[in-house]
Structure formats: C-alpha cells, structure tokens
Amino acid sequence: MPSELAHFYSRTRRARKVIVVDLGFLGDTIHLIPALWELKSAYPEAALHVLTTPVGAEVLRLAACVDRAWAVEMHRDKRTLRQQWEVIRGLRREHFDVAFNFSGADRTLFMTALSGAREAVAYPGARRHFWNTWLIRNWAPRQDRDRIVFEQRRGMLAACGLPLGPARFDLHIDPVADSWAAGVVPSFAMHLSLNASKATREWPLEHHRLMLAAVWQRFPQLGVVASTGANERERHRLNTFAHTVNDSRLKVLSEILSIPQLAALLRRCRLHLGPDSGVLHLAFALGLPTVSFFREQGNYKSFMPSGPRHRVISMPCHCVDHVDAPCERLGQAECFARIEPGRVAARVCEELQADPRSVF
C-alpha cells in the first residue's frame, strides 16, 4: 500500500474537482488551510471544495484557495438527517474526482465515501473499524503526533506524492470587516482572550487582572481589547472581568463577532494573549505574536505555536482528560492557577518591548 499511495497524485493529477472532508471548527480549520493551498497548487485545473462546519465555512472565507465551502451542521440540537442528506445529495451531483480526509473520524469517513468521489485517501483516526477499508481504499501513514497540526496535514499530502512548497496561510481580510476593526482597535493594542472551549483550559480571572496591572505599570498607555465567543458562560466571564478591572484602557467586545471581524481585529493588534483556543490559532496564522497557556496532556505539542515571536507557558497536568479528575469536576485547572501573574506579565512586556513599532 505505501508504494501505491506514493503514486496517488500521479494517478489523479488531472482531476477537475477535488473535495476535502474536514468537519472542524475554528482552530482545526485554520490548521487545514496550508494543506488546501498545496492542493490548489497541485491540482491547478481543479475546483477545490471543502465539506466543513458553519464555523469552518466562515473561516474558509479568508482563504482564496477554496472555491466552495459546504457547511453541514454538527451541533446536536440543530443538526437534522434531512439537512445532512441534502448536503450529501448536492455533493454527489458535483461528481468529484478526488476526496481527501485528514482526520479519519467515523462521521467524516462515511461522508467521504458518500461524496461519490472516484478516488479517495484518508488519514487514520483514533479508532479503527473493520469497515474503514470498505469505505476508503487508500490510507496515509501516521504522522509524528508532536508535529504541529498543519504540518501533519501537509505530511499526509507528501506521502500521497504531492510536491510541497513552503507552508502558507495567506488569509484575506474582508475590507468591510477591516473598516469596522479600524474603529474598534486602539493604537498599539494587545488582544486578550480569556476563554476557551473548556473551562479547564482557562487562566483565573484574578490572575489576568494582576497581570494587566503589572503590564500597565511598564506600559501605561497600552490599550487592551478583549473579545469572546457566543457561549453564555464565556460572555459572563468577560463581563465579570471588565467590571473587576474597571479601567478605560480595557475595551470589551461582548457582542458576537463573525470570523472575518475577529480576523480583522487581530490583524490590527500587536500581540495576542490567551489559552489554547481557536482564537490563538487564528492569531498565529495571521502572523501575530502570541503568549499562550497550555496544559501538558495528550498531543498538546501539536497545537503549540512555534517560532521566536510565540511564547508558550505550559504546565504539567495530572488530569489527562479523565472525566472524574478534580479539575474536570470543578471546571477549573489547578495547574493553571500556579502560573504566577508576574511571570506572564514579564513575557508580555518582553514581547511588547521587542516590537520594532513600539512607541513606548
């Protein structure tokens, strides 16, 4: 099979329609984009389609390499079999030549097979079933799980024989969103993200307050913009923080932002501070320097931003995602509480001072 897989690209290089099945949200879709650029380059005559989530479709509006994004609802309270079947019927009418699946998740494997693509290749998921090879004939070898995710995606394409260029995100900022952000972001601002998809990935609010106080002692003119997602818990947490800080230098955006608005907001900032979340990965893709928090569990290294302008503060974690662990039950990470505000403030000040555009 490995030798056969190496000729996958030579067999399919004249494809006219390519579909990528990847039902990811913000962070996962960001890490998919460099692979999409490779596919667009390798199949120059083909239209590139992506089957994704509604959030993923918003993200892909920033990537000019995608010709069409198909959104399928994944939220349990919103999705219906009728809507998913209508999407699959639409895909089958496209008569795809090639399909790529980078996750190997059960649902995505069935949707890849149902897309009707004549050739398909997938990456092994966490679970292996006897029907996997019935659904998909070609399987890519596993990548180093500590390698950053977008490079794992590109590594799968290399195993299929695709020629690779330098990794690129090349995100396009919508002019309307950019105009909106110009009226929101103060000069030389830092973007602050308090929240993550799980409370156990978040740094305590009081630590954030003390960190800001220390940073403002060094940079008293620094403007800070804090945003949040649509989740009610996250919005409440942000508003609580704003009330506690009570400082005009902190601008809080409690309204729900579109992905293009969030991207435009980040592009105008000088630094992003926050936990492991989709916002962090968007900031990384936009080339924004970051300071971030990670729990050392699972394959956390594969999502850590890398490079001289990215400062990661990680802590050993004993929960390892066990649902009965104390942190999971209490909804707060004990390991993160041990990260001292002064330590984070020092990292932030170092990065602000290193910025050649600094006016302080």
Protein backbone atom coordinates (compact mmCIF):
# COMPACT_ATOMS: atom_id res chain seq x y z
CA MET A 1 0.00 0.00 0.00
CA PRO A 2 2.74 2.63 0.77
CA SER A 3 4.20 2.32 -2.74
CA GLU A 4 0.71 2.51 -4.24
CA LEU A 5 -0.06 5.58 -2.13
CA ALA A 6 3.09 7.31 -3.40
CA HIS A 7 1.55 7.20 -6.90
CA PHE A 8 -1.81 8.60 -5.76
CA TYR A 9 -1.02 12.05 -7.08
CA SER A 10 0.29 10.82 -10.44
CA ARG A 11 -2.98 8.90 -10.91
CA THR A 12 -5.17 11.84 -10.01
CA ARG A 13 -3.23 14.96 -11.10
CA ARG A 14 -5.65 15.74 -13.94
CA ALA A 15 -8.64 15.91 -11.59
CA ARG A 16 -11.16 18.65 -12.32
CA LYS A 17 -12.96 18.60 -8.95
CA VAL A 18 -11.41 17.93 -5.53
CA ILE A 19 -13.30 17.66 -2.23
CA VAL A 20 -11.79 17.84 1.26
CA VAL A 21 -13.95 16.47 4.07
CA ASP A 22 -12.99 18.06 7.39
CA LEU A 23 -15.71 18.87 9.92
CA GLY A 24 -13.53 21.10 12.09
CA PHE A 25 -14.27 24.30 13.95
CA LEU A 26 -12.09 27.42 14.17
CA GLY A 27 -8.70 26.01 15.22
CA ASP A 28 -8.89 22.79 13.20
CA THR A 29 -9.93 24.66 10.06
CA ILE A 30 -7.08 27.15 10.45
CA HIS A 31 -4.62 24.24 10.54
CA LEU A 32 -6.24 22.81 7.40
CA ILE A 33 -5.54 25.89 5.25
CA PRO A 34 -1.85 25.24 4.37
CA ALA A 35 -2.86 21.82 3.02
CA LEU A 36 -5.62 23.45 0.97
CA TRP A 37 -3.10 25.78 -0.65
CA GLU A 38 -0.98 22.73 -1.54
CA LEU A 39 -3.99 21.05 -3.14
CA LYS A 40 -4.82 24.17 -5.13
CA SER A 41 -1.25 24.30 -6.40
CA ALA A 42 -1.03 20.56 -7.16
CA TYR A 43 -4.39 20.46 -8.95
CA PRO A 44 -4.35 23.78 -10.85
CA GLU A 45 -7.17 22.76 -13.20
CA ALA A 46 -9.47 21.60 -10.41
CA ALA A 47 -12.15 23.37 -8.42
CA LEU A 48 -11.41 22.88 -4.71
CA HIS A 49 -14.42 22.21 -2.46
CA VAL A 50 -14.44 21.68 1.32
CA LEU A 51 -17.14 19.99 3.40
CA THR A 52 -16.98 21.65 6.80
CA THR A 53 -18.99 23.10 9.69
CA PRO A 54 -20.73 26.52 9.61
CA VAL A 55 -17.82 27.97 11.62
CA GLY A 56 -15.35 26.29 9.28
CA ALA A 57 -17.14 27.80 6.28
CA GLU A 58 -16.71 31.25 7.83
CA VAL A 59 -13.00 30.60 8.32
CA LEU A 60 -12.59 29.48 4.72
CA ARG A 61 -13.96 32.81 3.52
CA LEU A 62 -10.49 34.06 4.45
CA ALA A 63 -8.73 31.54 2.15
CA ALA A 64 -8.77 32.40 -1.55
CA CYS A 65 -7.69 28.86 -2.48
CA VAL A 66 -11.16 27.43 -1.70
CA ASP A 67 -13.71 27.62 -4.49
CA ARG A 68 -16.69 26.43 -2.46
CA ALA A 69 -17.31 25.55 1.18
CA TRP A 70 -20.23 23.24 2.03
CA ALA A 71 -21.48 23.69 5.58
CA VAL A 72 -23.04 20.81 7.50
CA GLU A 73 -24.45 21.47 10.95
CA MET A 74 -22.74 19.50 13.73
CA HIS A 75 -24.46 20.93 16.81
CA ARG A 76 -26.61 18.18 18.32
CA ASP A 77 -29.58 20.49 18.91
CA LYS A 78 -29.50 21.92 15.38
CA ARG A 79 -28.47 19.16 13.02
CA THR A 80 -31.02 17.03 11.19
CA LEU A 81 -30.70 13.99 8.98
CA ARG A 82 -32.62 15.82 6.26
CA GLN A 83 -30.16 18.71 6.15
CA GLN A 84 -27.16 16.36 6.10
CA TRP A 85 -28.71 14.21 3.37
CA GLU A 86 -29.42 17.30 1.24
CA VAL A 87 -25.77 18.29 1.52
CA ILE A 88 -24.65 14.79 0.52
CA ARG A 89 -27.02 14.80 -2.48
CA GLY A 90 -25.54 18.12 -3.54
CA LEU A 91 -22.02 16.74 -3.24
CA ARG A 92 -22.84 13.68 -5.33
CA ARG A 93 -24.16 15.89 -8.13
CA GLU A 94 -20.71 17.51 -8.36
CA HIS A 95 -19.09 14.20 -9.50
CA PHE A 96 -15.81 14.71 -7.63
CA ASP A 97 -12.67 13.11 -8.97
CA VAL A 98 -10.69 13.06 -5.71
CA ALA A 99 -11.50 13.27 -1.98
CA PHE A 100 -9.11 13.92 0.91
CA ASN A 101 -9.91 13.18 4.56
CA PHE A 102 -7.35 14.43 7.11
CA SER A 103 -8.98 13.23 10.33
CA GLY A 104 -10.25 9.67 9.87
CA ALA A 105 -13.16 10.36 12.23
CA ASP A 106 -16.10 7.99 11.80
CA ARG A 107 -18.62 10.58 10.58
CA THR A 108 -16.16 12.12 8.11
CA LEU A 109 -15.25 8.70 6.67
CA PHE A 110 -18.87 7.94 5.84
CA MET A 111 -19.37 11.39 4.34
CA THR A 112 -16.19 10.97 2.28
CA ALA A 113 -17.48 7.68 0.90
CA LEU A 114 -20.95 9.13 0.28
CA SER A 115 -19.49 12.09 -1.63
CA GLY A 116 -19.11 9.73 -4.58
CA ALA A 117 -15.52 10.73 -5.37
CA ARG A 118 -13.83 8.26 -7.73
CA GLU A 119 -10.56 8.28 -5.74
CA ALA A 120 -10.20 8.94 -2.01
CA VAL A 121 -7.48 8.91 0.63
CA ALA A 122 -7.79 9.24 4.41
CA TYR A 123 -5.65 9.62 7.50
CA PRO A 124 -6.09 7.00 10.28
CA GLY A 125 -8.30 8.23 13.11
CA ALA A 126 -8.21 7.29 16.78
CA ARG A 127 -10.49 4.30 16.26
CA ARG A 128 -10.06 1.57 13.69
CA HIS A 129 -13.11 -0.35 12.39
CA PHE A 130 -13.43 -3.26 10.02
CA TRP A 131 -15.42 -1.09 7.62
CA ASN A 132 -12.69 1.55 7.20
CA THR A 133 -11.10 -0.12 4.18
CA TRP A 134 -14.55 -0.73 2.71
CA LEU A 135 -15.23 3.00 2.79
CA ILE A 136 -11.77 4.29 1.81
CA ARG A 137 -9.22 2.26 -0.15
CA ASN A 138 -6.15 4.49 0.30
CA TRP A 139 -4.76 5.25 3.77
CA ALA A 140 -1.90 7.59 4.63
CA PRO A 141 0.76 6.67 7.24
CA ARG A 142 0.52 8.23 10.69
CA GLN A 143 2.50 11.41 11.27
CA ASP A 144 4.55 12.38 14.33
CA ARG A 145 1.83 13.39 16.84
CA ASP A 146 4.09 16.11 18.32
CA ARG A 147 4.48 17.79 14.94
CA ILE A 148 2.32 20.90 14.56
CA VAL A 149 -1.07 20.01 13.05
CA PHE A 150 -0.83 21.91 9.77
CA GLU A 151 2.48 20.21 9.01
CA GLN A 152 0.91 16.82 9.72
CA ARG A 153 -1.73 17.63 7.10
CA ARG A 154 0.97 18.59 4.61
CA GLY A 155 2.92 15.47 5.52
CA MET A 156 -0.06 13.34 4.51
CA LEU A 157 -0.10 15.06 1.11
CA ALA A 158 3.63 14.41 0.68
CA ALA A 159 3.01 10.71 1.38
CA CYS A 160 0.49 10.79 -1.48
CA GLY A 161 3.19 12.06 -3.83
CA LEU A 162 2.17 15.72 -3.94
CA PRO A 163 5.03 18.21 -4.35
CA LEU A 164 5.07 20.68 -1.45
CA GLY A 165 6.09 24.31 -1.32
CA PRO A 166 6.66 26.49 1.75
CA ALA A 167 3.75 26.38 4.19
CA ARG A 168 1.39 29.32 3.79
CA PHE A 169 -1.85 30.63 5.31
CA ASP A 170 -2.31 33.82 3.23
CA LEU A 171 -5.54 34.85 4.94
CA HIS A 172 -7.54 37.57 3.21
CA ILE A 173 -9.06 40.31 5.39
CA ASP A 174 -12.50 41.44 4.25
CA PRO A 175 -12.48 45.23 3.55
CA VAL A 176 -15.80 45.75 5.36
CA ALA A 177 -14.53 43.90 8.44
CA ASP A 178 -11.23 45.79 8.25
CA SER A 179 -13.08 49.13 8.21
CA TRP A 180 -15.09 48.03 11.24
CA ALA A 181 -11.95 46.96 13.13
CA ALA A 182 -10.29 50.33 12.41
CA GLY A 183 -12.89 51.96 14.61
CA VAL A 184 -12.52 49.41 17.41
CA VAL A 185 -8.82 48.69 17.94
CA PRO A 186 -6.83 51.40 19.75
CA SER A 187 -3.27 52.15 18.66
CA PHE A 188 -0.67 49.55 19.69
CA ALA A 189 -3.30 47.32 21.31
CA MET A 190 -2.96 43.88 22.86
CA HIS A 191 -5.73 41.37 22.21
CA LEU A 192 -6.82 39.44 25.28
CA SER A 193 -8.72 36.17 25.07
CA LEU A 194 -9.95 34.98 28.46
CA ASN A 195 -11.91 31.96 27.33
CA ALA A 196 -11.53 28.56 25.72
CA SER A 197 -13.96 25.82 24.71
CA LYS A 198 -13.34 24.19 28.11
CA ALA A 199 -13.08 25.99 31.43
CA THR A 200 -10.12 23.77 32.36
CA ARG A 201 -8.05 25.47 29.66
CA GLU A 202 -8.54 28.94 31.16
CA TRP A 203 -6.33 31.06 33.41
CA PRO A 204 -8.08 32.52 36.50
CA LEU A 205 -9.66 35.96 36.06
CA GLU A 206 -7.88 37.40 39.10
CA HIS A 207 -4.55 36.33 37.59
CA HIS A 208 -5.48 38.21 34.40
CA ARG A 209 -6.29 41.33 36.43
CA LEU A 210 -2.99 41.25 38.31
CA MET A 211 -1.08 40.60 35.09
CA LEU A 212 -2.67 43.63 33.40
CA ALA A 213 -1.87 45.82 36.39
CA ALA A 214 1.80 44.81 36.15
CA VAL A 215 1.92 45.36 32.39
CA TRP A 216 0.29 48.79 32.71
CA GLN A 217 2.97 49.81 35.22
CA ARG A 218 5.54 49.27 32.46
CA PHE A 219 3.36 50.40 29.52
CA PRO A 220 0.75 52.80 30.95
CA GLN A 221 -0.58 53.78 27.52
CA LEU A 222 -1.23 50.22 26.35
CA GLY A 223 -4.75 49.65 25.07
CA VAL A 224 -6.23 46.18 25.55
CA VAL A 225 -9.08 44.68 23.52
CA ALA A 226 -10.89 41.63 24.93
CA SER A 227 -13.36 39.59 22.89
CA THR A 228 -15.37 36.42 23.42
CA GLY A 229 -17.41 33.77 21.64
CA ALA A 230 -21.17 33.28 21.64
CA ASN A 231 -21.21 30.93 24.63
CA GLU A 232 -23.17 32.46 27.53
CA ARG A 233 -20.62 31.24 30.10
CA GLU A 234 -17.80 32.90 28.20
CA ARG A 235 -19.67 36.19 27.78
CA HIS A 236 -20.49 36.27 31.50
CA ARG A 237 -16.85 35.64 32.33
CA LEU A 238 -15.74 38.51 30.10
CA ASN A 239 -18.26 40.95 31.58
CA THR A 240 -17.24 39.94 35.10
CA PHE A 241 -13.63 40.64 34.22
CA ALA A 242 -14.45 44.05 32.75
CA HIS A 243 -16.37 45.01 35.90
CA THR A 244 -13.49 43.87 38.13
CA VAL A 245 -10.79 45.71 36.16
CA ASN A 246 -12.88 48.86 35.67
CA ASP A 247 -10.26 50.65 33.56
CA SER A 248 -10.85 52.70 30.41
CA ARG A 249 -7.75 51.19 28.81
CA LEU A 250 -9.61 47.87 28.59
CA LYS A 251 -12.10 47.73 25.72
CA VAL A 252 -14.52 44.82 25.98
CA LEU A 253 -16.33 43.43 22.94
CA SER A 254 -19.12 41.32 24.36
CA GLU A 255 -21.04 41.16 21.09
CA ILE A 256 -20.75 38.09 18.87
CA LEU A 257 -18.10 38.66 16.20
CA SER A 258 -18.01 36.99 12.81
CA ILE A 259 -14.79 35.21 11.88
CA PRO A 260 -13.88 37.94 9.33
CA GLN A 261 -14.41 40.58 12.04
CA LEU A 262 -12.26 38.63 14.50
CA ALA A 263 -9.52 38.24 11.89
CA ALA A 264 -9.60 41.97 11.09
CA LEU A 265 -9.48 42.77 14.81
CA LEU A 266 -6.45 40.56 15.39
CA ARG A 267 -4.62 41.86 12.32
CA ARG A 268 -4.67 45.36 13.83
CA CYS A 269 -3.26 44.22 17.19
CA ARG A 270 0.40 43.88 18.18
CA LEU A 271 0.07 40.87 20.49
CA HIS A 272 -2.40 38.14 21.43
CA LEU A 273 -2.60 36.65 24.91
CA GLY A 274 -4.81 33.67 25.67
CA PRO A 275 -5.26 29.94 26.25
CA ASP A 276 -5.20 27.09 23.75
CA SER A 277 -8.22 28.03 21.61
CA GLY A 278 -9.29 28.69 18.06
CA VAL A 279 -8.55 32.40 18.52
CA LEU A 280 -4.92 31.60 19.34
CA HIS A 281 -4.55 29.59 16.12
CA LEU A 282 -6.15 32.37 14.07
CA ALA A 283 -3.72 34.89 15.59
CA PHE A 284 -0.82 32.56 14.78
CA ALA A 285 -1.98 32.17 11.16
CA LEU A 286 -2.21 35.95 10.81
CA GLY A 287 1.40 36.34 11.94
CA LEU A 288 0.54 37.99 15.25
CA PRO A 289 2.99 37.43 18.15
CA THR A 290 1.37 35.38 20.91
CA VAL A 291 1.68 34.46 24.57
CA SER A 292 -0.36 31.36 25.37
CA PHE A 293 -1.18 28.78 28.05
CA PHE A 294 -1.14 25.00 27.56
CA ARG A 295 -1.78 22.02 29.81
CA GLU A 296 0.78 19.29 29.17
CA GLN A 297 -1.55 16.47 28.25
CA GLY A 298 -2.35 14.42 25.18
CA ASN A 299 -0.97 15.77 21.93
CA TYR A 300 -0.79 19.37 23.20
CA LYS A 301 2.51 20.00 21.38
CA SER A 302 0.80 19.61 18.01
CA PHE A 303 -1.23 22.76 18.67
CA MET A 304 1.52 24.91 20.20
CA PRO A 305 2.50 27.95 18.09
CA SER A 306 6.17 27.76 17.16
CA GLY A 307 8.68 30.47 16.33
CA PRO A 308 10.64 33.25 18.03
CA ARG A 309 7.56 35.53 18.40
CA HIS A 310 5.46 32.91 20.17
CA ARG A 311 5.92 32.39 23.92
CA VAL A 312 4.20 29.32 25.36
CA ILE A 313 3.71 28.81 29.09
CA SER A 314 2.89 25.16 29.73
CA MET A 315 2.15 23.32 32.95
CA PRO A 316 2.21 19.59 33.79
CA CYS A 317 -1.33 18.27 34.12
CA HIS A 318 -2.38 15.20 36.08
CA CYS A 319 -5.99 15.14 34.83
CA VAL A 320 -5.14 13.78 31.38
CA ASP A 321 -8.76 14.40 30.38
CA HIS A 322 -10.18 11.93 32.89
CA VAL A 323 -13.80 12.98 33.47
CA ASP A 324 -13.54 12.08 37.18
CA ALA A 325 -10.45 14.22 37.79
CA PRO A 326 -10.93 17.05 40.32
CA CYS A 327 -10.22 19.78 37.77
CA GLU A 328 -12.81 18.39 35.36
CA ARG A 329 -15.44 18.19 38.11
CA LEU A 330 -14.74 21.70 39.42
CA GLY A 331 -14.38 23.27 35.98
CA GLN A 332 -11.05 24.94 36.70
CA ALA A 333 -7.45 23.95 36.08
CA GLU A 334 -5.45 23.68 39.27
CA CYS A 335 -2.21 23.60 37.28
CA PHE A 336 -3.01 26.92 35.57
CA ALA A 337 -3.67 28.59 38.93
CA ARG A 338 0.02 28.00 39.70
CA ILE A 339 1.12 30.21 36.79
CA GLU A 340 2.03 33.46 38.51
CA PRO A 341 0.71 36.75 37.04
CA GLY A 342 4.18 38.29 37.28
CA ARG A 343 5.62 35.55 35.09
CA VAL A 344 3.05 36.19 32.37
CA ALA A 345 3.42 39.97 32.66
CA ALA A 346 7.17 39.59 32.10
CA ARG A 347 6.55 37.60 28.90
CA VAL A 348 4.07 40.20 27.65
CA CYS A 349 6.43 43.09 28.39
CA GLU A 350 9.33 41.32 26.67
CA GLU A 351 7.26 40.86 23.53
CA LEU A 352 5.92 44.42 23.54
CA GLN A 353 9.43 45.79 24.00
CA ALA A 354 10.74 43.61 21.16
CA ASP A 355 8.20 45.02 18.70
CA PRO A 356 10.11 47.48 16.45
CA ARG A 357 6.91 49.55 16.13
CA SER A 358 6.79 50.15 19.89
CA VAL A 359 6.15 53.79 20.72
CA PHE A 360 6.64 53.46 24.50
